[in-house]
Amino acid sequence: MQNNPEKDPVLWEIAQKRASFKWNLASYIIVNTFLWLLWYFTGNRYVHESHIPWPVWPTLGWGIGIVFHYMGAYVFPKQTSAETEYEKLLRSKQNKH
């Protein structure tokens, strides 16, 4: 999809981040459901007799990524660290003149 000049660039970026998050979340749910079903139907094997199902690890690992993706899309959607630093430098430069 091409960038429409009538679109607000900030809102367009936020919309893209949110759409990306939704696709990531859908993938997370589908893949992890498959992993848990695979684990269940193949005999519920545990890792090193610790009685922790092996799908816990990819679910937790990817889940951490999902949380950060959510934060970037919904909690802090407008400001990146580069934008913050740029604004600081710009203010610093303006204060010197």
C-alpha atoms as a PDB file:
ATOM      1  CA  MET A   1       0.000   0.000   0.000  1.00  0.00           C
ATOM      2  CA  GLN A   2       1.382   3.392  -0.937  1.00  0.00           C
ATOM      3  CA  ASN A   3       1.585   6.335   1.426  1.00  0.00           C
ATOM      4  CA  ASN A   4      -1.355   8.631   0.732  1.00  0.00           C
ATOM      5  CA  PRO A   5      -0.290  12.320   0.977  1.00  0.00           C
ATOM      6  CA  GLU A   6      -3.622  13.179   2.625  1.00  0.00           C
ATOM      7  CA  LYS A   7      -2.917  10.900   5.588  1.00  0.00           C
ATOM      8  CA  ASP A   8      -1.488  12.314   8.791  1.00  0.00           C
ATOM      9  CA  PRO A   9       1.988  10.700   8.943  1.00  0.00           C
ATOM     10  CA  VAL A  10       1.953  10.336  12.732  1.00  0.00           C
ATOM     11  CA  LEU A  11      -1.476   8.678  12.781  1.00  0.00           C
ATOM     12  CA  TRP A  12      -0.496   6.504   9.824  1.00  0.00           C
ATOM     13  CA  GLU A  13       2.590   5.274  11.710  1.00  0.00           C
ATOM     14  CA  ILE A  14       0.480   4.486  14.790  1.00  0.00           C
ATOM     15  CA  ALA A  15      -2.042   2.619  12.632  1.00  0.00           C
ATOM     16  CA  GLN A  16       0.772   0.568  11.073  1.00  0.00           C
ATOM     17  CA  LYS A  17       2.196  -0.317  14.500  1.00  0.00           C
ATOM     18  CA  ARG A  18      -1.219  -1.436  15.743  1.00  0.00           C
ATOM     19  CA  ALA A  19      -1.940  -3.504  12.637  1.00  0.00           C
ATOM     20  CA  SER A  20       1.497  -5.130  12.949  1.00  0.00           C
ATOM     21  CA  PHE A  21       0.801  -5.939  16.603  1.00  0.00           C
ATOM     22  CA  LYS A  22      -2.526  -7.568  15.729  1.00  0.00           C
ATOM     23  CA  TRP A  23      -0.846  -9.818  13.131  1.00  0.00           C
ATOM     24  CA  ASN A  24       1.885 -10.726  15.614  1.00  0.00           C
ATOM     25  CA  LEU A  25      -0.699 -11.547  18.284  1.00  0.00           C
ATOM     26  CA  ALA A  26      -2.697 -13.714  15.869  1.00  0.00           C
ATOM     27  CA  SER A  27       0.482 -15.590  14.903  1.00  0.00           C
ATOM     28  CA  TYR A  28       1.361 -16.030  18.568  1.00  0.00           C
ATOM     29  CA  ILE A  29      -2.036 -17.523  19.368  1.00  0.00           C
ATOM     30  CA  ILE A  30      -2.073 -19.860  16.359  1.00  0.00           C
ATOM     31  CA  VAL A  31       1.503 -21.119  16.709  1.00  0.00           C
ATOM     32  CA  ASN A  32       1.349 -21.552  20.479  1.00  0.00           C
ATOM     33  CA  THR A  33      -1.990 -23.345  20.264  1.00  0.00           C
ATOM     34  CA  PHE A  34      -0.382 -25.725  17.769  1.00  0.00           C
ATOM     35  CA  LEU A  35       2.646 -26.250  20.043  1.00  0.00           C
ATOM     36  CA  TRP A  36       0.485 -27.020  23.078  1.00  0.00           C
ATOM     37  CA  LEU A  37      -1.705 -29.398  21.071  1.00  0.00           C
ATOM     38  CA  LEU A  38       1.402 -31.083  19.706  1.00  0.00           C
ATOM     39  CA  TRP A  39       2.724 -31.497  23.237  1.00  0.00           C
ATOM     40  CA  TYR A  40      -0.621 -32.822  24.489  1.00  0.00           C
ATOM     41  CA  PHE A  41      -1.155 -35.343  21.704  1.00  0.00           C
ATOM     42  CA  THR A  42       2.421 -36.671  21.684  1.00  0.00           C
ATOM     43  CA  GLY A  43       2.411 -37.951  25.220  1.00  0.00           C
ATOM     44  CA  ASN A  44       2.862 -34.877  27.407  1.00  0.00           C
ATOM     45  CA  ARG A  45       6.629 -35.240  27.596  1.00  0.00           C
ATOM     46  CA  TYR A  46       8.424 -33.042  30.107  1.00  0.00           C
ATOM     47  CA  VAL A  47      11.885 -31.541  29.941  1.00  0.00           C
ATOM     48  CA  HIS A  48      14.503 -33.174  32.226  1.00  0.00           C
ATOM     49  CA  GLU A  49      11.881 -34.625  34.548  1.00  0.00           C
ATOM     50  CA  SER A  50      11.225 -31.139  35.919  1.00  0.00           C
ATOM     51  CA  HIS A  51       7.550 -31.560  35.050  1.00  0.00           C
ATOM     52  CA  ILE A  52       7.579 -28.363  33.037  1.00  0.00           C
ATOM     53  CA  PRO A  53       5.963 -28.799  29.626  1.00  0.00           C
ATOM     54  CA  TRP A  54       8.368 -27.817  26.839  1.00  0.00           C
ATOM     55  CA  PRO A  55       5.872 -25.421  25.145  1.00  0.00           C
ATOM     56  CA  VAL A  56       6.181 -23.154  28.181  1.00  0.00           C
ATOM     57  CA  TRP A  57       9.521 -21.833  26.907  1.00  0.00           C
ATOM     58  CA  PRO A  58       8.479 -20.624  23.432  1.00  0.00           C
ATOM     59  CA  THR A  59       5.209 -19.331  24.889  1.00  0.00           C
ATOM     60  CA  LEU A  60       7.032 -17.275  27.520  1.00  0.00           C
ATOM     61  CA  GLY A  61       9.782 -16.094  25.201  1.00  0.00           C
ATOM     62  CA  TRP A  62       7.468 -14.955  22.451  1.00  0.00           C
ATOM     63  CA  GLY A  63       5.048 -13.623  25.085  1.00  0.00           C
ATOM     64  CA  ILE A  64       7.699 -11.197  26.328  1.00  0.00           C
ATOM     65  CA  GLY A  65       8.087  -9.938  22.768  1.00  0.00           C
ATOM     66  CA  ILE A  66       4.302  -9.581  22.471  1.00  0.00           C
ATOM     67  CA  VAL A  67       4.220  -7.410  25.600  1.00  0.00           C
ATOM     68  CA  PHE A  68       6.887  -5.075  24.199  1.00  0.00           C
ATOM     69  CA  HIS A  69       5.133  -4.963  20.832  1.00  0.00           C
ATOM     70  CA  TYR A  70       1.863  -4.041  22.606  1.00  0.00           C
ATOM     71  CA  MET A  71       3.617  -1.293  24.559  1.00  0.00           C
ATOM     72  CA  GLY A  72       5.036   0.174  21.344  1.00  0.00           C
ATOM     73  CA  ALA A  73       1.694   0.017  19.561  1.00  0.00           C
ATOM     74  CA  TYR A  74      -0.741   1.155  22.273  1.00  0.00           C
ATOM     75  CA  VAL A  75       1.036   2.608  25.311  1.00  0.00           C
ATOM     76  CA  PHE A  76       3.855   4.632  23.735  1.00  0.00           C
ATOM     77  CA  PRO A  77       2.877   4.687  20.052  1.00  0.00           C
ATOM     78  CA  LYS A  78       4.015   8.160  19.048  1.00  0.00           C
ATOM     79  CA  GLN A  79       7.444   8.571  20.539  1.00  0.00           C
ATOM     80  CA  THR A  80      10.527   6.514  19.800  1.00  0.00           C
ATOM     81  CA  SER A  81      13.772   6.942  21.647  1.00  0.00           C
ATOM     82  CA  ALA A  82      15.334   8.483  18.519  1.00  0.00           C
ATOM     83  CA  GLU A  83      12.564  11.090  18.370  1.00  0.00           C
ATOM     84  CA  THR A  84      13.018  11.859  22.057  1.00  0.00           C
ATOM     85  CA  GLU A  85      16.767  12.321  21.658  1.00  0.00           C
ATOM     86  CA  TYR A  86      16.279  14.467  18.541  1.00  0.00           C
ATOM     87  CA  GLU A  87      13.866  16.737  20.413  1.00  0.00           C
ATOM     88  CA  LYS A  88      16.356  17.086  23.294  1.00  0.00           C
ATOM     89  CA  LEU A  89      19.128  18.035  20.881  1.00  0.00           C
ATOM     90  CA  LEU A  90      16.849  20.494  19.087  1.00  0.00           C
ATOM     91  CA  ARG A  91      15.849  22.169  22.376  1.00  0.00           C
ATOM     92  CA  SER A  92      19.494  22.285  23.460  1.00  0.00           C
ATOM     93  CA  LYS A  93      20.485  23.929  20.189  1.00  0.00           C
ATOM     94  CA  GLN A  94      17.655  26.478  20.434  1.00  0.00           C
ATOM     95  CA  ASN A  95      18.599  27.372  24.016  1.00  0.00           C
ATOM     96  CA  LYS A  96      22.212  28.111  22.965  1.00  0.00           C
ATOM     97  CA  HIS A  97      21.111  30.662  20.349  1.00  0.00           C
END
